[in-house]
Amino acid sequence: MNQPNHHQIATYLTDYALSELVKYVIEDTGCSIEEAMEQVYNSPLMTALQDEEGELYVQSPAYLYDLMKEHVAEEIEAL
């Protein structure tokens, strides 16, 4: 049996984190799955999460969600 390579592991962990982030948004806001996906996929966190060199994908989804919420709060304060 072949061992998964770094890219496969990163992809799996990123996909898992994204699905959990969408769940967290739905739980916190009560929005639809489409709206939650839009919030997650359009957040700056998405770009950082997909950067395999940064290895942000190894962090827990709860930690990533806190980062995402902090960024949103900062954007609101800037208005």
PDB file of N, CA and C in Angstrom:
ATOM      1  N   MET A   1       0.844  -1.184   0.000  1.00  0.00           N
ATOM      2  CA  MET A   1       0.000   0.000   0.000  1.00  0.00           C
ATOM      3  C   MET A   1       0.889   1.247   0.000  1.00  0.00           C
ATOM      4  N   ASN A   2       0.577   2.188  -0.870  1.00  0.00           N
ATOM      5  CA  ASN A   2       1.359   3.413  -0.985  1.00  0.00           C
ATOM      6  C   ASN A   2       1.012   4.381   0.128  1.00  0.00           C
ATOM      7  N   GLN A   3       2.029   5.049   0.623  1.00  0.00           N
ATOM      8  CA  GLN A   3       1.823   6.097   1.613  1.00  0.00           C
ATOM      9  C   GLN A   3       1.412   7.376   0.897  1.00  0.00           C
ATOM     10  N   PRO A   4       0.486   8.143   1.482  1.00  0.00           N
ATOM     11  CA  PRO A   4       0.104   9.410   0.845  1.00  0.00           C
ATOM     12  C   PRO A   4       1.275  10.387   0.862  1.00  0.00           C
ATOM     13  N   ASN A   5       1.374  11.190  -0.176  1.00  0.00           N
ATOM     14  CA  ASN A   5       2.446  12.179  -0.222  1.00  0.00           C
ATOM     15  C   ASN A   5       1.981  13.481   0.450  1.00  0.00           C
ATOM     16  N   HIS A   6       2.897  14.421   0.563  1.00  0.00           N
ATOM     17  CA  HIS A   6       2.625  15.683   1.252  1.00  0.00           C
ATOM     18  C   HIS A   6       1.429  16.415   0.635  1.00  0.00           C
ATOM     19  N   HIS A   7       1.377  16.469  -0.672  1.00  0.00           N
ATOM     20  CA  HIS A   7       0.278  17.166  -1.357  1.00  0.00           C
ATOM     21  C   HIS A   7      -1.073  16.509  -1.058  1.00  0.00           C
ATOM     22  N   GLN A   8      -1.119  15.196  -1.059  1.00  0.00           N
ATOM     23  CA  GLN A   8      -2.374  14.490  -0.772  1.00  0.00           C
ATOM     24  C   GLN A   8      -2.839  14.754   0.666  1.00  0.00           C
ATOM     25  N   ILE A   9      -1.907  14.761   1.588  1.00  0.00           N
ATOM     26  CA  ILE A   9      -2.250  15.035   2.981  1.00  0.00           C
ATOM     27  C   ILE A   9      -2.746  16.464   3.130  1.00  0.00           C
ATOM     28  N   ALA A  10      -2.052  17.401   2.505  1.00  0.00           N
ATOM     29  CA  ALA A  10      -2.448  18.808   2.572  1.00  0.00           C
ATOM     30  C   ALA A  10      -3.843  19.007   1.983  1.00  0.00           C
ATOM     31  N   THR A  11      -4.116  18.363   0.868  1.00  0.00           N
ATOM     32  CA  THR A  11      -5.430  18.480   0.228  1.00  0.00           C
ATOM     33  C   THR A  11      -6.520  17.915   1.124  1.00  0.00           C
ATOM     34  N   TYR A  12      -6.276  16.765   1.706  1.00  0.00           N
ATOM     35  CA  TYR A  12      -7.261  16.143   2.603  1.00  0.00           C
ATOM     36  C   TYR A  12      -7.542  17.046   3.801  1.00  0.00           C
ATOM     37  N   LEU A  13      -6.496  17.537   4.447  1.00  0.00           N
ATOM     38  CA  LEU A  13      -6.677  18.377   5.627  1.00  0.00           C
ATOM     39  C   LEU A  13      -7.347  19.702   5.283  1.00  0.00           C
ATOM     40  N   THR A  14      -7.010  20.270   4.132  1.00  0.00           N
ATOM     41  CA  THR A  14      -7.638  21.519   3.698  1.00  0.00           C
ATOM     42  C   THR A  14      -9.126  21.301   3.435  1.00  0.00           C
ATOM     43  N   ASP A  15      -9.461  20.242   2.739  1.00  0.00           N
ATOM     44  CA  ASP A  15     -10.875  19.943   2.457  1.00  0.00           C
ATOM     45  C   ASP A  15     -11.662  19.734   3.746  1.00  0.00           C
ATOM     46  N   TYR A  16     -11.050  19.026   4.692  1.00  0.00           N
ATOM     47  CA  TYR A  16     -11.712  18.799   5.981  1.00  0.00           C
ATOM     48  C   TYR A  16     -11.928  20.122   6.706  1.00  0.00           C
ATOM     49  N   ALA A  17     -10.904  20.955   6.745  1.00  0.00           N
ATOM     50  CA  ALA A  17     -11.016  22.237   7.429  1.00  0.00           C
ATOM     51  C   ALA A  17     -12.104  23.097   6.789  1.00  0.00           C
ATOM     52  N   LEU A  18     -12.154  23.113   5.469  1.00  0.00           N
ATOM     53  CA  LEU A  18     -13.167  23.922   4.780  1.00  0.00           C
ATOM     54  C   LEU A  18     -14.577  23.449   5.099  1.00  0.00           C
ATOM     55  N   SER A  19     -14.790  22.147   5.136  1.00  0.00           N
ATOM     56  CA  SER A  19     -16.135  21.648   5.448  1.00  0.00           C
ATOM     57  C   SER A  19     -16.521  22.006   6.877  1.00  0.00           C
ATOM     58  N   GLU A  20     -15.556  21.951   7.792  1.00  0.00           N
ATOM     59  CA  GLU A  20     -15.837  22.324   9.176  1.00  0.00           C
ATOM     60  C   GLU A  20     -16.094  23.824   9.301  1.00  0.00           C
ATOM     61  N   LEU A  21     -15.353  24.636   8.579  1.00  0.00           N
ATOM     62  CA  LEU A  21     -15.569  26.085   8.612  1.00  0.00           C
ATOM     63  C   LEU A  21     -16.972  26.439   8.135  1.00  0.00           C
ATOM     64  N   VAL A  22     -17.414  25.776   7.084  1.00  0.00           N
ATOM     65  CA  VAL A  22     -18.774  26.018   6.579  1.00  0.00           C
ATOM     66  C   VAL A  22     -19.799  25.653   7.659  1.00  0.00           C
ATOM     67  N   LYS A  23     -19.596  24.536   8.344  1.00  0.00           N
ATOM     68  CA  LYS A  23     -20.507  24.134   9.427  1.00  0.00           C
ATOM     69  C   LYS A  23     -20.532  25.176  10.528  1.00  0.00           C
ATOM     70  N   TYR A  24     -19.352  25.679  10.911  1.00  0.00           N
ATOM     71  CA  TYR A  24     -19.283  26.682  11.972  1.00  0.00           C
ATOM     72  C   TYR A  24     -20.040  27.956  11.596  1.00  0.00           C
ATOM     73  N   VAL A  25     -19.890  28.396  10.351  1.00  0.00           N
ATOM     74  CA  VAL A  25     -20.588  29.603   9.893  1.00  0.00           C
ATOM     75  C   VAL A  25     -22.100  29.382   9.975  1.00  0.00           C
ATOM     76  N   ILE A  26     -22.554  28.228   9.526  1.00  0.00           N
ATOM     77  CA  ILE A  26     -23.989  27.925   9.569  1.00  0.00           C
ATOM     78  C   ILE A  26     -24.488  27.917  11.014  1.00  0.00           C
ATOM     79  N   GLU A  27     -23.740  27.274  11.906  1.00  0.00           N
ATOM     80  CA  GLU A  27     -24.141  27.204  13.313  1.00  0.00           C
ATOM     81  C   GLU A  27     -24.191  28.582  13.959  1.00  0.00           C
ATOM     82  N   ASP A  28     -23.213  29.443  13.648  1.00  0.00           N
ATOM     83  CA  ASP A  28     -23.146  30.767  14.265  1.00  0.00           C
ATOM     84  C   ASP A  28     -24.147  31.757  13.689  1.00  0.00           C
ATOM     85  N   THR A  29     -24.413  31.655  12.392  1.00  0.00           N
ATOM     86  CA  THR A  29     -25.218  32.692  11.744  1.00  0.00           C
ATOM     87  C   THR A  29     -26.612  32.224  11.335  1.00  0.00           C
ATOM     88  N   GLY A  30     -26.791  30.924  11.204  1.00  0.00           N
ATOM     89  CA  GLY A  30     -28.080  30.411  10.743  1.00  0.00           C
ATOM     90  C   GLY A  30     -28.305  30.619   9.260  1.00  0.00           C
ATOM     91  N   CYS A  31     -27.255  30.954   8.527  1.00  0.00           N
ATOM     92  CA  CYS A  31     -27.407  31.188   7.092  1.00  0.00           C
ATOM     93  C   CYS A  31     -27.488  29.856   6.343  1.00  0.00           C
ATOM     94  N   SER A  32     -27.756  29.956   5.070  1.00  0.00           N
ATOM     95  CA  SER A  32     -27.832  28.753   4.233  1.00  0.00           C
ATOM     96  C   SER A  32     -26.437  28.215   3.960  1.00  0.00           C
ATOM     97  N   ILE A  33     -26.371  26.994   3.488  1.00  0.00           N
ATOM     98  CA  ILE A  33     -25.073  26.400   3.160  1.00  0.00           C
ATOM     99  C   ILE A  33     -24.394  27.182   2.038  1.00  0.00           C
ATOM    100  N   GLU A  34     -25.160  27.683   1.098  1.00  0.00           N
ATOM    101  CA  GLU A  34     -24.586  28.448  -0.003  1.00  0.00           C
ATOM    102  C   GLU A  34     -23.947  29.732   0.514  1.00  0.00           C
ATOM    103  N   GLU A  35     -24.653  30.428   1.425  1.00  0.00           N
ATOM    104  CA  GLU A  35     -24.111  31.663   1.988  1.00  0.00           C
ATOM    105  C   GLU A  35     -22.860  31.378   2.825  1.00  0.00           C
ATOM    106  N   ALA A  36     -22.896  30.294   3.581  1.00  0.00           N
ATOM    107  CA  ALA A  36     -21.742  29.927   4.402  1.00  0.00           C
ATOM    108  C   ALA A  36     -20.542  29.600   3.525  1.00  0.00           C
ATOM    109  N   MET A  37     -20.778  28.860   2.453  1.00  0.00           N
ATOM    110  CA  MET A  37     -19.684  28.527   1.541  1.00  0.00           C
ATOM    111  C   MET A  37     -19.112  29.785   0.906  1.00  0.00           C
ATOM    112  N   GLU A  38     -19.970  30.712   0.548  1.00  0.00           N
ATOM    113  CA  GLU A  38     -19.509  31.970  -0.045  1.00  0.00           C
ATOM    114  C   GLU A  38     -18.630  32.733   0.942  1.00  0.00           C
ATOM    115  N   GLN A  39     -19.059  32.791   2.208  1.00  0.00           N
ATOM    116  CA  GLN A  39     -18.268  33.497   3.221  1.00  0.00           C
ATOM    117  C   GLN A  39     -16.893  32.857   3.394  1.00  0.00           C
ATOM    118  N   VAL A  40     -16.873  31.540   3.467  1.00  0.00           N
ATOM    119  CA  VAL A  40     -15.606  30.833   3.688  1.00  0.00           C
ATOM    120  C   VAL A  40     -14.709  30.939   2.453  1.00  0.00           C
ATOM    121  N   TYR A  41     -15.252  30.640   1.295  1.00  0.00           N
ATOM    122  CA  TYR A  41     -14.437  30.597   0.081  1.00  0.00           C
ATOM    123  C   TYR A  41     -13.985  31.971  -0.382  1.00  0.00           C
ATOM    124  N   ASN A  42     -14.672  33.028   0.035  1.00  0.00           N
ATOM    125  CA  ASN A  42     -14.272  34.384  -0.341  1.00  0.00           C
ATOM    126  C   ASN A  42     -13.452  35.076   0.742  1.00  0.00           C
ATOM    127  N   SER A  43     -13.167  34.383   1.817  1.00  0.00           N
ATOM    128  CA  SER A  43     -12.388  34.992   2.899  1.00  0.00           C
ATOM    129  C   SER A  43     -10.896  34.933   2.572  1.00  0.00           C
ATOM    130  N   PRO A  44     -10.126  35.870   3.111  1.00  0.00           N
ATOM    131  CA  PRO A  44      -8.666  35.832   2.912  1.00  0.00           C
ATOM    132  C   PRO A  44      -8.047  34.547   3.464  1.00  0.00           C
ATOM    133  N   LEU A  45      -8.710  33.947   4.418  1.00  0.00           N
ATOM    134  CA  LEU A  45      -8.217  32.701   4.991  1.00  0.00           C
ATOM    135  C   LEU A  45      -8.111  31.610   3.929  1.00  0.00           C
ATOM    136  N   MET A  46      -9.002  31.637   2.963  1.00  0.00           N
ATOM    137  CA  MET A  46      -9.025  30.609   1.917  1.00  0.00           C
ATOM    138  C   MET A  46      -7.690  30.560   1.177  1.00  0.00           C
ATOM    139  N   THR A  47      -7.179  31.715   0.791  1.00  0.00           N
ATOM    140  CA  THR A  47      -5.905  31.779   0.073  1.00  0.00           C
ATOM    141  C   THR A  47      -4.774  31.255   0.953  1.00  0.00           C
ATOM    142  N   ALA A  48      -4.763  31.694   2.200  1.00  0.00           N
ATOM    143  CA  ALA A  48      -3.713  31.261   3.127  1.00  0.00           C
ATOM    144  C   ALA A  48      -3.801  29.766   3.391  1.00  0.00           C
ATOM    145  N   LEU A  49      -5.009  29.256   3.486  1.00  0.00           N
ATOM    146  CA  LEU A  49      -5.210  27.838   3.770  1.00  0.00           C
ATOM    147  C   LEU A  49      -4.724  26.957   2.621  1.00  0.00           C
ATOM    148  N   GLN A  50      -4.855  27.441   1.410  1.00  0.00           N
ATOM    149  CA  GLN A  50      -4.452  26.662   0.243  1.00  0.00           C
ATOM    150  C   GLN A  50      -2.953  26.724  -0.045  1.00  0.00           C
ATOM    151  N   ASP A  51      -2.233  27.561   0.677  1.00  0.00           N
ATOM    152  CA  ASP A  51      -0.790  27.665   0.509  1.00  0.00           C
ATOM    153  C   ASP A  51      -0.126  26.524   1.276  1.00  0.00           C
ATOM    154  N   GLU A  52       0.293  25.504   0.566  1.00  0.00           N
ATOM    155  CA  GLU A  52       0.875  24.322   1.214  1.00  0.00           C
ATOM    156  C   GLU A  52       2.164  24.654   1.956  1.00  0.00           C
ATOM    157  N   GLU A  53       2.905  25.637   1.483  1.00  0.00           N
ATOM    158  CA  GLU A  53       4.157  25.994   2.145  1.00  0.00           C
ATOM    159  C   GLU A  53       3.900  26.627   3.508  1.00  0.00           C
ATOM    160  N   GLY A  54       2.786  27.349   3.639  1.00  0.00           N
ATOM    161  CA  GLY A  54       2.457  27.985   4.906  1.00  0.00           C
ATOM    162  C   GLY A  54       1.974  27.006   5.958  1.00  0.00           C
ATOM    163  N   GLU A  55       1.507  25.866   5.514  1.00  0.00           N
ATOM    164  CA  GLU A  55       1.035  24.780   6.379  1.00  0.00           C
ATOM    165  C   GLU A  55      -0.024  25.204   7.394  1.00  0.00           C
ATOM    166  N   LEU A  56      -0.840  26.191   7.040  1.00  0.00           N
ATOM    167  CA  LEU A  56      -1.940  26.597   7.911  1.00  0.00           C
ATOM    168  C   LEU A  56      -2.969  25.480   8.028  1.00  0.00           C
ATOM    169  N   TYR A  57      -3.015  24.618   7.035  1.00  0.00           N
ATOM    170  CA  TYR A  57      -3.984  23.517   7.011  1.00  0.00           C
ATOM    171  C   TYR A  57      -3.791  22.527   8.160  1.00  0.00           C
ATOM    172  N   VAL A  58      -2.659  22.561   8.839  1.00  0.00           N
ATOM    173  CA  VAL A  58      -2.441  21.635   9.956  1.00  0.00           C
ATOM    174  C   VAL A  58      -3.097  22.128  11.246  1.00  0.00           C
ATOM    175  N   GLN A  59      -3.569  23.364  11.244  1.00  0.00           N
ATOM    176  CA  GLN A  59      -4.249  23.909  12.423  1.00  0.00           C
ATOM    177  C   GLN A  59      -5.660  23.338  12.520  1.00  0.00           C
ATOM    178  N   SER A  60      -6.211  23.368  13.703  1.00  0.00           N
ATOM    179  CA  SER A  60      -7.558  22.838  13.890  1.00  0.00           C
ATOM    180  C   SER A  60      -8.575  23.742  13.203  1.00  0.00           C
ATOM    181  N   PRO A  61      -9.671  23.167  12.732  1.00  0.00           N
ATOM    182  CA  PRO A  61     -10.723  23.990  12.127  1.00  0.00           C
ATOM    183  C   PRO A  61     -11.256  25.057  13.095  1.00  0.00           C
ATOM    184  N   ALA A  62     -11.316  24.754  14.386  1.00  0.00           N
ATOM    185  CA  ALA A  62     -11.799  25.739  15.366  1.00  0.00           C
ATOM    186  C   ALA A  62     -10.859  26.948  15.419  1.00  0.00           C
ATOM    187  N   TYR A  63      -9.568  26.692  15.406  1.00  0.00           N
ATOM    188  CA  TYR A  63      -8.591  27.783  15.396  1.00  0.00           C
ATOM    189  C   TYR A  63      -8.721  28.596  14.112  1.00  0.00           C
ATOM    190  N   LEU A  64      -8.849  27.925  12.987  1.00  0.00           N
ATOM    191  CA  LEU A  64      -9.004  28.613  11.705  1.00  0.00           C
ATOM    192  C   LEU A  64     -10.265  29.469  11.690  1.00  0.00           C
ATOM    193  N   TYR A  65     -11.332  28.967  12.295  1.00  0.00           N
ATOM    194  CA  TYR A  65     -12.578  29.734  12.345  1.00  0.00           C
ATOM    195  C   TYR A  65     -12.390  30.990  13.191  1.00  0.00           C
ATOM    196  N   ASP A  66     -11.672  30.859  14.294  1.00  0.00           N
ATOM    197  CA  ASP A  66     -11.384  32.045  15.112  1.00  0.00           C
ATOM    198  C   ASP A  66     -10.607  33.080  14.307  1.00  0.00           C
ATOM    199  N   LEU A  67      -9.635  32.633  13.524  1.00  0.00           N
ATOM    200  CA  LEU A  67      -8.887  33.551  12.662  1.00  0.00           C
ATOM    201  C   LEU A  67      -9.810  34.240  11.667  1.00  0.00           C
ATOM    202  N   MET A  68     -10.706  33.467  11.078  1.00  0.00           N
ATOM    203  CA  MET A  68     -11.636  34.015  10.098  1.00  0.00           C
ATOM    204  C   MET A  68     -12.549  35.055  10.742  1.00  0.00           C
ATOM    205  N   LYS A  69     -13.060  34.758  11.937  1.00  0.00           N
ATOM    206  CA  LYS A  69     -13.941  35.697  12.635  1.00  0.00           C
ATOM    207  C   LYS A  69     -13.196  36.970  13.025  1.00  0.00           C
ATOM    208  N   GLU A  70     -11.929  36.834  13.446  1.00  0.00           N
ATOM    209  CA  GLU A  70     -11.133  38.012  13.791  1.00  0.00           C
ATOM    210  C   GLU A  70     -10.972  38.923  12.587  1.00  0.00           C
ATOM    211  N   HIS A  71     -10.722  38.333  11.439  1.00  0.00           N
ATOM    212  CA  HIS A  71     -10.545  39.133  10.228  1.00  0.00           C
ATOM    213  C   HIS A  71     -11.839  39.864   9.876  1.00  0.00           C
ATOM    214  N   VAL A  72     -12.955  39.207   9.992  1.00  0.00           N
ATOM    215  CA  VAL A  72     -14.247  39.833   9.703  1.00  0.00           C
ATOM    216  C   VAL A  72     -14.494  40.971  10.678  1.00  0.00           C
ATOM    217  N   ALA A  73     -14.186  40.763  11.959  1.00  0.00           N
ATOM    218  CA  ALA A  73     -14.377  41.808  12.976  1.00  0.00           C
ATOM    219  C   ALA A  73     -13.503  43.023  12.659  1.00  0.00           C
ATOM    220  N   GLU A  74     -12.279  42.783  12.212  1.00  0.00           N
ATOM    221  CA  GLU A  74     -11.389  43.879  11.848  1.00  0.00           C
ATOM    222  C   GLU A  74     -11.936  44.652  10.660  1.00  0.00           C
ATOM    223  N   GLU A  75     -12.503  43.951   9.690  1.00  0.00           N
ATOM    224  CA  GLU A  75     -13.101  44.617   8.521  1.00  0.00           C
ATOM    225  C   GLU A  75     -14.278  45.488   8.946  1.00  0.00           C
ATOM    226  N   ILE A  76     -15.093  45.011   9.852  1.00  0.00           N
ATOM    227  CA  ILE A  76     -16.266  45.767  10.323  1.00  0.00           C
ATOM    228  C   ILE A  76     -15.800  47.014  11.072  1.00  0.00           C
ATOM    229  N   GLU A  77     -14.776  46.871  11.930  1.00  0.00           N
ATOM    230  CA  GLU A  77     -14.262  48.014  12.668  1.00  0.00           C
ATOM    231  C   GLU A  77     -13.683  49.075  11.733  1.00  0.00           C
ATOM    232  N   ALA A  78     -13.156  48.672  10.605  1.00  0.00           N
ATOM    233  CA  ALA A  78     -12.546  49.601   9.663  1.00  0.00           C
ATOM    234  C   ALA A  78     -13.595  50.427   8.923  1.00  0.00           C
ATOM    235  N   LEU A  79     -14.850  50.013   8.966  1.00  0.00           N
ATOM    236  CA  LEU A  79     -15.899  50.748   8.250  1.00  0.00           C
ATOM    237  C   LEU A  79     -16.253  52.044   8.898  1.00  0.00           C
TER     238      LEU A  79
END
